[in-house]
């Protein structure tokens, strides 16, 4: 999770919401990604999808059945769909996402019996640290916006 957190800082440096993800197989990182939909002009450039793409390239396979995905924030519905298609075995996330979370916070797609793939889910790993990354980012943005507004007066 700490590696995913360091990738989240890469997103922050780009001015993107700081979310990071890695894919691990047999103890080795095979995929890395961080959130950058704004700078990539790509609505699918979420950390989890970028890590899945990287892992698929590394392993030369779009299926990742013996892999674990670690993400700093609970995956959204789009990322859950990609996780299902990749056949990820296990998802480990840091902080819950109470607006878009698909692993129990808003909806729980991973326990939906009609879906054809079910990953094991573990949430709350380094949750406070992961949540602080996102909240710190938005606090910084709000402070900057306030400073700009004050300077205009």
N, C-alpha and C. Protein backbone atom coordinates (compact mmCIF):
# COMPACT_ATOMS: atom_id res chain seq x y z
N UNK A 1 0.84 -1.20 0.00
CA UNK A 1 0.00 0.00 0.00
C UNK A 1 0.87 1.26 0.00
N UNK A 2 2.01 1.15 0.65
CA UNK A 2 2.90 2.33 0.68
C UNK A 2 3.38 2.71 -0.73
N UNK A 3 3.61 1.71 -1.58
CA UNK A 3 4.00 2.00 -2.97
C UNK A 3 2.86 2.70 -3.70
N UNK A 4 1.64 2.25 -3.47
CA UNK A 4 0.47 2.90 -4.08
C UNK A 4 0.36 4.34 -3.59
N UNK A 5 0.66 4.55 -2.31
CA UNK A 5 0.62 5.91 -1.76
C UNK A 5 1.68 6.80 -2.41
N UNK A 6 2.84 6.25 -2.68
CA UNK A 6 3.88 7.05 -3.33
C UNK A 6 3.47 7.40 -4.76
N UNK A 7 2.76 6.50 -5.43
CA UNK A 7 2.23 6.81 -6.76
C UNK A 7 1.14 7.89 -6.69
N UNK A 8 0.36 7.86 -5.61
CA UNK A 8 -0.66 8.91 -5.41
C UNK A 8 -0.01 10.28 -5.34
N UNK A 9 1.16 10.35 -4.73
CA UNK A 9 1.88 11.63 -4.66
C UNK A 9 2.30 12.11 -6.05
N UNK A 10 2.57 11.18 -6.96
CA UNK A 10 2.86 11.56 -8.35
C UNK A 10 1.66 12.27 -8.96
N UNK A 11 0.47 11.74 -8.70
CA UNK A 11 -0.75 12.39 -9.19
C UNK A 11 -0.86 13.79 -8.61
N UNK A 12 -0.63 13.92 -7.32
CA UNK A 12 -0.70 15.22 -6.64
C UNK A 12 0.23 16.21 -7.32
N UNK A 13 1.47 15.78 -7.59
CA UNK A 13 2.45 16.67 -8.24
C UNK A 13 1.94 17.19 -9.59
N UNK A 14 1.10 16.40 -10.25
CA UNK A 14 0.51 16.81 -11.53
C UNK A 14 -0.76 17.63 -11.36
N UNK A 15 -1.18 17.83 -10.11
CA UNK A 15 -2.41 18.56 -9.85
C UNK A 15 -3.64 17.69 -9.98
N UNK A 16 -3.45 16.39 -9.94
CA UNK A 16 -4.54 15.42 -10.06
C UNK A 16 -4.91 14.90 -8.67
N UNK A 17 -6.14 14.42 -8.52
CA UNK A 17 -6.56 13.83 -7.25
C UNK A 17 -5.61 12.67 -6.94
N UNK A 18 -4.97 12.69 -5.76
CA UNK A 18 -3.92 11.72 -5.46
C UNK A 18 -4.42 10.32 -5.10
N UNK A 19 -4.52 9.50 -6.12
CA UNK A 19 -4.88 8.10 -5.94
C UNK A 19 -3.84 7.28 -6.68
N UNK A 20 -3.37 6.24 -6.01
CA UNK A 20 -2.36 5.37 -6.61
C UNK A 20 -2.80 3.92 -6.52
N UNK A 21 -2.25 3.09 -7.40
CA UNK A 21 -2.58 1.67 -7.40
C UNK A 21 -1.40 0.86 -7.92
N UNK A 22 -1.31 -0.36 -7.43
CA UNK A 22 -0.33 -1.31 -7.93
C UNK A 22 -1.00 -2.67 -8.11
N UNK A 23 -0.43 -3.49 -8.97
CA UNK A 23 -0.86 -4.87 -9.14
C UNK A 23 0.34 -5.74 -8.76
N UNK A 24 0.06 -6.74 -7.92
CA UNK A 24 1.11 -7.62 -7.41
C UNK A 24 0.80 -9.06 -7.80
N UNK A 25 1.85 -9.75 -8.25
CA UNK A 25 1.74 -11.18 -8.54
C UNK A 25 2.92 -11.88 -7.90
N UNK A 26 2.63 -12.88 -7.09
CA UNK A 26 3.67 -13.66 -6.41
C UNK A 26 4.67 -12.78 -5.70
N UNK A 27 4.18 -11.73 -5.04
CA UNK A 27 5.02 -10.85 -4.24
C UNK A 27 5.76 -9.77 -5.01
N UNK A 28 5.63 -9.75 -6.32
CA UNK A 28 6.33 -8.75 -7.14
C UNK A 28 5.32 -7.78 -7.76
N UNK A 29 5.68 -6.50 -7.77
CA UNK A 29 4.84 -5.50 -8.43
C UNK A 29 4.97 -5.67 -9.94
N UNK A 30 3.85 -5.89 -10.60
CA UNK A 30 3.85 -6.07 -12.05
C UNK A 30 3.13 -4.94 -12.77
N UNK A 31 2.46 -4.07 -12.00
CA UNK A 31 1.76 -2.95 -12.60
C UNK A 31 1.66 -1.79 -11.64
N UNK A 32 1.82 -0.59 -12.17
CA UNK A 32 1.74 0.63 -11.36
C UNK A 32 0.86 1.64 -12.09
N UNK A 33 0.16 2.45 -11.31
CA UNK A 33 -0.64 3.50 -11.93
C UNK A 33 -1.02 4.57 -10.93
N UNK A 34 -1.25 5.75 -11.44
CA UNK A 34 -1.77 6.83 -10.61
C UNK A 34 -2.82 7.59 -11.41
N UNK A 35 -3.66 8.27 -10.67
CA UNK A 35 -4.78 9.00 -11.24
C UNK A 35 -4.27 10.17 -12.08
N UNK A 36 -4.70 10.27 -13.33
CA UNK A 36 -4.37 11.44 -14.14
C UNK A 36 -5.31 11.63 -15.33
N UNK A 37 -6.62 11.62 -15.08
CA UNK A 37 -7.55 11.82 -16.20
C UNK A 37 -7.51 13.23 -16.78
N UNK A 38 -7.22 14.23 -15.97
CA UNK A 38 -7.22 15.61 -16.47
C UNK A 38 -6.03 15.82 -17.41
N UNK A 39 -4.83 15.50 -16.94
CA UNK A 39 -3.64 15.73 -17.77
C UNK A 39 -3.58 14.80 -18.97
N UNK A 40 -4.16 13.62 -18.87
CA UNK A 40 -4.17 12.67 -20.00
C UNK A 40 -5.34 12.91 -20.95
N UNK A 41 -6.26 13.81 -20.55
CA UNK A 41 -7.48 14.03 -21.34
C UNK A 41 -8.19 12.69 -21.57
N UNK A 42 -8.29 11.92 -20.49
CA UNK A 42 -8.80 10.55 -20.58
C UNK A 42 -9.63 10.24 -19.34
N UNK A 43 -10.95 10.15 -19.49
CA UNK A 43 -11.79 9.88 -18.32
C UNK A 43 -11.55 8.50 -17.71
N UNK A 44 -10.86 7.62 -18.42
CA UNK A 44 -10.58 6.29 -17.87
C UNK A 44 -9.21 6.20 -17.19
N UNK A 45 -8.46 7.28 -17.11
CA UNK A 45 -7.11 7.25 -16.56
C UNK A 45 -7.11 7.28 -15.04
N UNK A 46 -7.90 6.40 -14.45
CA UNK A 46 -7.89 6.22 -12.99
C UNK A 46 -6.70 5.33 -12.63
N UNK A 47 -6.24 5.45 -11.40
CA UNK A 47 -5.06 4.72 -10.94
C UNK A 47 -5.20 3.22 -11.16
N UNK A 48 -6.36 2.67 -10.82
CA UNK A 48 -6.55 1.22 -10.94
C UNK A 48 -6.45 0.76 -12.39
N UNK A 49 -7.06 1.50 -13.29
CA UNK A 49 -7.04 1.11 -14.70
C UNK A 49 -5.62 1.24 -15.26
N UNK A 50 -4.91 2.28 -14.87
CA UNK A 50 -3.54 2.44 -15.34
C UNK A 50 -2.67 1.30 -14.82
N UNK A 51 -2.87 0.89 -13.57
CA UNK A 51 -2.11 -0.24 -13.01
C UNK A 51 -2.46 -1.55 -13.70
N UNK A 52 -3.75 -1.74 -14.01
CA UNK A 52 -4.17 -2.94 -14.74
C UNK A 52 -3.55 -2.98 -16.13
N UNK A 53 -3.55 -1.85 -16.82
CA UNK A 53 -2.95 -1.79 -18.16
C UNK A 53 -1.46 -2.13 -18.09
N UNK A 54 -0.78 -1.56 -17.10
CA UNK A 54 0.65 -1.80 -16.95
C UNK A 54 0.91 -3.28 -16.65
N UNK A 55 0.12 -3.87 -15.77
CA UNK A 55 0.29 -5.28 -15.43
C UNK A 55 0.01 -6.17 -16.63
N UNK A 56 -1.03 -5.86 -17.39
CA UNK A 56 -1.36 -6.66 -18.57
C UNK A 56 -0.22 -6.62 -19.59
N UNK A 57 0.39 -5.44 -19.77
CA UNK A 57 1.54 -5.33 -20.68
C UNK A 57 2.72 -6.15 -20.14
N UNK A 58 2.98 -6.00 -18.85
CA UNK A 58 4.11 -6.71 -18.23
C UNK A 58 3.96 -8.22 -18.36
N UNK A 59 2.75 -8.71 -18.12
CA UNK A 59 2.50 -10.16 -18.13
C UNK A 59 2.05 -10.68 -19.49
N UNK A 60 1.90 -9.76 -20.45
CA UNK A 60 1.45 -10.11 -21.80
C UNK A 60 0.15 -10.91 -21.76
N UNK A 61 -0.78 -10.43 -20.93
CA UNK A 61 -2.08 -11.11 -20.81
C UNK A 61 -3.09 -10.12 -20.25
N UNK A 62 -4.25 -10.04 -20.86
CA UNK A 62 -5.28 -9.16 -20.33
C UNK A 62 -5.99 -9.75 -19.12
N UNK A 63 -5.81 -11.02 -18.87
CA UNK A 63 -6.34 -11.66 -17.67
C UNK A 63 -5.25 -11.70 -16.61
N UNK A 64 -5.62 -11.33 -15.40
CA UNK A 64 -4.67 -11.25 -14.29
C UNK A 64 -5.20 -12.04 -13.09
N UNK A 65 -5.48 -13.33 -13.28
CA UNK A 65 -6.21 -14.10 -12.26
C UNK A 65 -5.47 -14.37 -10.95
N UNK A 66 -4.17 -14.37 -10.97
CA UNK A 66 -3.42 -14.65 -9.75
C UNK A 66 -2.84 -13.39 -9.14
N UNK A 67 -3.47 -12.26 -9.40
CA UNK A 67 -2.93 -10.97 -8.97
C UNK A 67 -3.80 -10.30 -7.92
N UNK A 68 -3.15 -9.42 -7.16
CA UNK A 68 -3.83 -8.57 -6.19
C UNK A 68 -3.64 -7.13 -6.62
N UNK A 69 -4.73 -6.37 -6.60
CA UNK A 69 -4.67 -4.95 -6.88
C UNK A 69 -4.76 -4.20 -5.56
N UNK A 70 -3.82 -3.31 -5.31
CA UNK A 70 -3.83 -2.43 -4.14
C UNK A 70 -4.12 -1.02 -4.62
N UNK A 71 -5.10 -0.37 -4.02
CA UNK A 71 -5.45 1.00 -4.39
C UNK A 71 -5.62 1.82 -3.13
N UNK A 72 -5.24 3.07 -3.19
CA UNK A 72 -5.32 3.92 -2.00
C UNK A 72 -6.76 4.25 -1.63
N UNK A 73 -7.66 4.21 -2.62
CA UNK A 73 -9.07 4.54 -2.41
C UNK A 73 -9.93 3.41 -2.99
N UNK A 74 -11.06 3.17 -2.38
CA UNK A 74 -12.02 2.16 -2.85
C UNK A 74 -12.33 2.40 -4.33
N UNK A 75 -12.29 1.35 -5.14
CA UNK A 75 -12.55 1.51 -6.58
C UNK A 75 -13.97 2.01 -6.89
N UNK A 76 -14.06 2.78 -7.96
CA UNK A 76 -15.36 3.23 -8.46
C UNK A 76 -15.96 2.12 -9.34
N UNK A 77 -17.15 2.37 -9.85
CA UNK A 77 -17.84 1.38 -10.68
C UNK A 77 -17.05 1.07 -11.95
N UNK A 78 -16.50 2.10 -12.59
CA UNK A 78 -15.72 1.88 -13.81
C UNK A 78 -14.52 0.98 -13.52
N UNK A 79 -13.81 1.28 -12.45
CA UNK A 79 -12.63 0.49 -12.11
C UNK A 79 -13.02 -0.92 -11.69
N UNK A 80 -14.14 -1.06 -11.00
CA UNK A 80 -14.62 -2.40 -10.63
C UNK A 80 -14.86 -3.22 -11.89
N UNK A 81 -15.46 -2.62 -12.91
CA UNK A 81 -15.69 -3.32 -14.16
C UNK A 81 -14.39 -3.80 -14.78
N UNK A 82 -13.38 -2.96 -14.78
CA UNK A 82 -12.07 -3.35 -15.32
C UNK A 82 -11.45 -4.47 -14.49
N UNK A 83 -11.61 -4.39 -13.18
CA UNK A 83 -11.11 -5.43 -12.28
C UNK A 83 -11.79 -6.76 -12.58
N UNK A 84 -13.09 -6.73 -12.80
CA UNK A 84 -13.83 -7.95 -13.14
C UNK A 84 -13.29 -8.55 -14.44
N UNK A 85 -13.17 -7.72 -15.47
CA UNK A 85 -12.72 -8.21 -16.77
C UNK A 85 -11.30 -8.75 -16.71
N UNK A 86 -10.45 -8.17 -15.88
CA UNK A 86 -9.07 -8.64 -15.73
C UNK A 86 -8.99 -9.91 -14.88
N UNK A 87 -10.08 -10.24 -14.20
CA UNK A 87 -10.14 -11.42 -13.32
C UNK A 87 -9.15 -11.33 -12.15
N UNK A 88 -8.96 -10.12 -11.64
CA UNK A 88 -8.13 -9.91 -10.45
C UNK A 88 -8.68 -10.78 -9.32
N UNK A 89 -7.80 -11.44 -8.61
CA UNK A 89 -8.23 -12.35 -7.53
C UNK A 89 -8.58 -11.61 -6.25
N UNK A 90 -7.84 -10.54 -5.97
CA UNK A 90 -8.01 -9.86 -4.68
C UNK A 90 -7.82 -8.37 -4.87
N UNK A 91 -8.65 -7.59 -4.17
CA UNK A 91 -8.55 -6.13 -4.19
C UNK A 91 -8.35 -5.67 -2.75
N UNK A 92 -7.32 -4.88 -2.53
CA UNK A 92 -7.03 -4.31 -1.23
C UNK A 92 -7.06 -2.80 -1.40
N UNK A 93 -7.89 -2.12 -0.60
CA UNK A 93 -7.91 -0.66 -0.72
C UNK A 93 -7.73 0.00 0.63
N UNK A 94 -7.32 1.26 0.56
CA UNK A 94 -7.09 2.04 1.76
C UNK A 94 -8.39 2.64 2.28
N UNK A 95 -8.69 3.85 1.86
CA UNK A 95 -9.84 4.59 2.37
C UNK A 95 -11.10 4.27 1.58
N UNK A 96 -12.22 4.28 2.28
CA UNK A 96 -13.52 4.13 1.63
C UNK A 96 -13.82 5.39 0.81
N UNK A 97 -14.65 5.23 -0.21
CA UNK A 97 -15.05 6.35 -1.07
C UNK A 97 -16.57 6.44 -1.00
N UNK A 98 -17.05 7.39 -0.20
CA UNK A 98 -18.48 7.47 0.12
C UNK A 98 -19.33 8.14 -0.95
N UNK A 99 -18.72 8.55 -2.05
CA UNK A 99 -19.49 9.12 -3.16
C UNK A 99 -19.58 8.17 -4.35
N UNK A 100 -18.50 7.41 -4.58
CA UNK A 100 -18.46 6.56 -5.77
C UNK A 100 -17.98 5.14 -5.51
N UNK A 101 -17.80 4.76 -4.26
CA UNK A 101 -17.24 3.44 -3.94
C UNK A 101 -18.12 2.28 -4.38
N UNK A 102 -17.47 1.28 -4.98
CA UNK A 102 -18.22 0.13 -5.49
C UNK A 102 -17.93 -1.16 -4.74
N UNK A 103 -17.23 -1.05 -3.60
CA UNK A 103 -16.90 -2.24 -2.82
C UNK A 103 -17.55 -2.17 -1.44
N UNK A 104 -18.70 -1.51 -1.37
CA UNK A 104 -19.45 -1.49 -0.13
C UNK A 104 -19.86 -0.13 0.38
N UNK A 105 -19.16 0.93 0.00
CA UNK A 105 -19.50 2.25 0.53
C UNK A 105 -20.78 2.82 -0.08
N UNK A 106 -20.93 2.71 -1.39
CA UNK A 106 -22.14 3.16 -2.07
C UNK A 106 -22.90 1.95 -2.59
N UNK A 107 -22.20 1.13 -3.35
CA UNK A 107 -22.73 -0.15 -3.83
C UNK A 107 -21.66 -1.21 -3.58
N UNK A 108 -22.04 -2.46 -3.67
CA UNK A 108 -21.06 -3.54 -3.50
C UNK A 108 -21.14 -4.48 -4.69
N UNK A 109 -20.51 -4.08 -5.77
CA UNK A 109 -20.53 -4.90 -6.98
C UNK A 109 -19.79 -6.22 -6.78
N UNK A 110 -18.83 -6.22 -5.88
CA UNK A 110 -18.01 -7.42 -5.68
C UNK A 110 -18.77 -8.55 -5.01
N UNK A 111 -19.92 -8.24 -4.42
CA UNK A 111 -20.72 -9.31 -3.82
C UNK A 111 -21.99 -9.58 -4.62
N UNK A 112 -22.11 -8.96 -5.78
CA UNK A 112 -23.29 -9.16 -6.61
C UNK A 112 -23.27 -10.56 -7.22
N UNK A 113 -24.19 -11.43 -6.84
CA UNK A 113 -24.14 -12.83 -7.30
C UNK A 113 -24.34 -13.01 -8.81
N UNK A 114 -24.98 -12.07 -9.47
CA UNK A 114 -25.22 -12.21 -10.91
C UNK A 114 -23.99 -11.93 -11.76
N UNK A 115 -23.00 -11.28 -11.19
CA UNK A 115 -21.78 -10.99 -11.96
C UNK A 115 -20.92 -12.25 -12.02
N UNK A 116 -20.18 -12.39 -13.10
CA UNK A 116 -19.47 -13.64 -13.34
C UNK A 116 -18.09 -13.74 -12.70
N UNK A 117 -17.65 -12.72 -12.02
CA UNK A 117 -16.35 -12.79 -11.35
C UNK A 117 -16.47 -12.17 -9.97
N UNK A 118 -15.81 -12.75 -9.01
CA UNK A 118 -15.84 -12.23 -7.64
C UNK A 118 -14.43 -12.22 -7.08
N UNK A 119 -13.93 -11.04 -6.81
CA UNK A 119 -12.63 -10.88 -6.17
C UNK A 119 -12.83 -10.82 -4.66
N UNK A 120 -11.83 -11.25 -3.93
CA UNK A 120 -11.81 -11.08 -2.49
C UNK A 120 -11.48 -9.61 -2.21
N UNK A 121 -12.17 -9.01 -1.25
CA UNK A 121 -11.99 -7.58 -0.95
C UNK A 121 -11.48 -7.40 0.47
N UNK A 122 -10.51 -6.52 0.63
CA UNK A 122 -10.05 -6.10 1.96
C UNK A 122 -9.91 -4.59 1.93
N UNK A 123 -10.67 -3.90 2.75
CA UNK A 123 -10.62 -2.44 2.79
C UNK A 123 -10.11 -1.94 4.12
N UNK A 124 -9.76 -0.68 4.15
CA UNK A 124 -9.33 -0.04 5.38
C UNK A 124 -7.85 -0.19 5.70
N UNK A 125 -7.05 -0.61 4.73
CA UNK A 125 -5.61 -0.78 4.95
C UNK A 125 -4.93 0.59 4.84
N UNK A 126 -4.32 1.03 5.94
CA UNK A 126 -3.73 2.38 6.02
C UNK A 126 -4.75 3.44 5.61
N UNK A 127 -5.99 3.21 6.01
CA UNK A 127 -7.10 4.07 5.58
C UNK A 127 -6.90 5.53 5.94
N UNK A 128 -6.46 5.80 7.14
CA UNK A 128 -6.29 7.21 7.55
C UNK A 128 -5.23 7.90 6.71
N UNK A 129 -4.12 7.22 6.46
CA UNK A 129 -3.05 7.81 5.64
C UNK A 129 -3.53 8.04 4.21
N UNK A 130 -4.25 7.07 3.66
CA UNK A 130 -4.76 7.20 2.29
C UNK A 130 -5.79 8.33 2.20
N UNK A 131 -6.67 8.41 3.19
CA UNK A 131 -7.68 9.47 3.20
C UNK A 131 -7.03 10.84 3.35
N UNK A 132 -5.97 10.91 4.16
CA UNK A 132 -5.27 12.19 4.36
C UNK A 132 -4.66 12.71 3.06
N UNK A 133 -4.22 11.80 2.20
CA UNK A 133 -3.69 12.24 0.90
C UNK A 133 -4.75 13.02 0.13
N UNK A 134 -5.94 12.45 0.05
CA UNK A 134 -7.01 13.10 -0.73
C UNK A 134 -7.49 14.36 -0.03
N UNK A 135 -7.73 14.29 1.26
CA UNK A 135 -8.23 15.48 1.98
C UNK A 135 -7.19 16.59 1.97
N UNK A 136 -5.90 16.24 2.10
CA UNK A 136 -4.84 17.26 2.04
C UNK A 136 -4.78 17.94 0.68
N UNK A 137 -4.96 17.17 -0.36
CA UNK A 137 -4.98 17.71 -1.72
C UNK A 137 -6.09 18.75 -1.86
N UNK A 138 -7.31 18.38 -1.43
CA UNK A 138 -8.43 19.31 -1.58
C UNK A 138 -8.32 20.49 -0.62
N UNK A 139 -7.74 20.32 0.55
CA UNK A 139 -7.49 21.45 1.45
C UNK A 139 -6.54 22.44 0.79
N UNK A 140 -5.50 21.91 0.15
CA UNK A 140 -4.54 22.76 -0.56
C UNK A 140 -5.23 23.52 -1.69
N UNK A 141 -6.08 22.84 -2.44
CA UNK A 141 -6.81 23.49 -3.54
C UNK A 141 -7.73 24.59 -3.03
N UNK A 142 -8.44 24.30 -1.93
CA UNK A 142 -9.35 25.31 -1.36
C UNK A 142 -8.57 26.51 -0.84
N UNK A 143 -7.44 26.26 -0.18
CA UNK A 143 -6.61 27.36 0.34
C UNK A 143 -6.10 28.23 -0.79
N UNK A 144 -5.69 27.61 -1.88
CA UNK A 144 -5.21 28.36 -3.04
C UNK A 144 -6.33 29.20 -3.64
N UNK A 145 -7.50 28.59 -3.78
CA UNK A 145 -8.66 29.32 -4.34
C UNK A 145 -9.02 30.50 -3.44
N UNK A 146 -8.98 30.29 -2.14
CA UNK A 146 -9.29 31.37 -1.20
C UNK A 146 -8.25 32.48 -1.30
N UNK A 147 -6.99 32.11 -1.41
CA UNK A 147 -5.92 33.09 -1.53
C UNK A 147 -6.07 33.91 -2.81
N UNK A 148 -6.41 33.25 -3.89
CA UNK A 148 -6.61 33.97 -5.17
C UNK A 148 -7.80 34.92 -5.05
N UNK A 149 -8.88 34.47 -4.43
CA UNK A 149 -10.07 35.30 -4.26
C UNK A 149 -9.74 36.52 -3.38
N UNK A 150 -8.95 36.30 -2.35
CA UNK A 150 -8.58 37.40 -1.45
C UNK A 150 -7.68 38.40 -2.16
N UNK A 151 -6.76 37.90 -2.99
CA UNK A 151 -5.86 38.79 -3.73
C UNK A 151 -6.60 39.67 -4.73
N UNK A 152 -7.72 39.21 -5.24
CA UNK A 152 -8.49 39.96 -6.22
C UNK A 152 -9.25 41.12 -5.58
N UNK A 153 -9.39 41.09 -4.27
CA UNK A 153 -10.15 42.16 -3.58
C UNK A 153 -9.39 43.40 -3.43
